[in-house]
Protein backbone atom coordinates (compact mmCIF):
# COMPACT_ATOMS: atom_id res chain seq x y z
CA MET A 1 120.12 189.81 168.19
CA ASN A 2 123.76 190.07 167.89
CA THR A 3 125.36 186.73 168.30
CA ASN A 4 129.05 185.81 169.29
CA MET A 5 129.35 182.66 167.04
CA GLN A 6 132.90 181.83 167.86
CA LEU A 7 131.98 182.02 171.61
CA LEU A 8 129.12 179.59 170.87
CA LYS A 9 131.41 177.13 168.79
CA GLY A 10 133.79 177.33 171.58
CA LYS A 11 131.23 176.35 174.49
CA ILE A 12 129.92 173.46 172.12
CA VAL A 13 133.56 172.10 171.94
CA GLU A 14 134.30 172.89 175.65
CA ARG A 15 131.03 170.92 176.73
CA GLN A 16 132.26 167.92 174.59
CA THR A 17 129.17 168.03 172.28
CA THR A 18 128.96 168.71 168.53
CA GLN A 19 127.21 170.95 166.44
CA GLU A 20 125.26 167.95 165.06
CA ALA A 21 124.15 167.16 168.68
CA VAL A 22 122.95 170.69 169.33
CA ALA A 23 121.07 170.87 166.01
CA ASP A 24 119.29 167.70 166.83
CA ALA A 25 118.52 168.72 170.58
CA VAL A 26 117.18 172.12 168.96
CA GLY A 27 114.85 170.32 166.52
CA ILE A 28 116.50 171.86 163.30
CA ASP A 29 118.02 170.36 160.36
CA ARG A 30 121.70 170.09 160.82
CA SER A 31 122.18 172.11 157.35
CA THR A 32 119.85 174.78 158.83
CA PHE A 33 121.97 174.89 162.09
CA TYR A 34 125.16 175.45 160.07
CA ARG A 35 123.97 178.14 157.88
CA LYS A 36 122.50 179.94 160.74
CA LEU A 37 125.97 179.68 162.41
CA LYS A 38 127.46 181.12 159.04
CA THR A 39 125.16 183.89 159.09
CA ASN A 40 126.27 184.93 162.81
CA GLY A 41 123.20 183.67 164.45
CA MET A 42 121.11 186.46 163.14
CA SER A 43 118.19 184.04 162.32
CA PHE A 44 118.20 181.89 165.37
CA SER A 45 114.77 182.46 167.14
CA ILE A 46 114.50 183.09 170.64
CA ALA A 47 113.08 179.63 171.18
CA GLU A 48 115.93 178.10 169.49
CA ALA A 49 118.51 180.16 171.45
CA HIS A 50 116.80 178.69 174.67
CA LYS A 51 116.79 175.23 173.35
CA ILE A 52 120.57 175.84 172.54
CA VAL A 53 121.35 177.08 176.04
CA ALA A 54 119.66 174.09 177.41
CA ALA A 55 121.33 171.22 175.08
CA ILE A 56 124.97 172.47 175.57
CA PRO A 57 124.24 173.62 178.67
CA LEU A 58 124.96 177.28 179.19
CA THR A 59 125.13 179.21 182.31
CA MET A 60 123.05 182.47 181.96
CA GLU A 61 126.07 184.62 181.80
CA GLU A 62 127.37 182.43 178.92
CA ALA A 63 124.08 182.74 176.99
CA MET A 64 123.93 186.46 177.62
CA ALA A 65 127.72 186.75 176.28
CA ILE A 66 126.68 184.58 173.35
CA PHE A 67 123.31 185.77 172.22
CA PHE A 68 123.48 189.60 173.34
CA ASP A 69 127.20 190.23 172.23
CA ASN A 70 127.66 194.12 172.44
CA THR A 71 130.64 194.06 170.55
CA VAL A 72 130.87 195.95 167.18
CA ALA A 73 131.91 193.94 164.14
């Protein structure tokens, strides 16, 4: 899964929430959430991605742009 972390972080701020609040809503330790962000989200499970979408919340288009980013790094 190619994840656009910059877009994800931007949407968290735009929705006036925090990375800590999203980690809590997803049900993972905050340090684990930060680690997953630093590794470009490669280790987010599909279930965690669904919970992130609900926690922020994101539209389907935003979720697709974040979790299925097709840009080449």
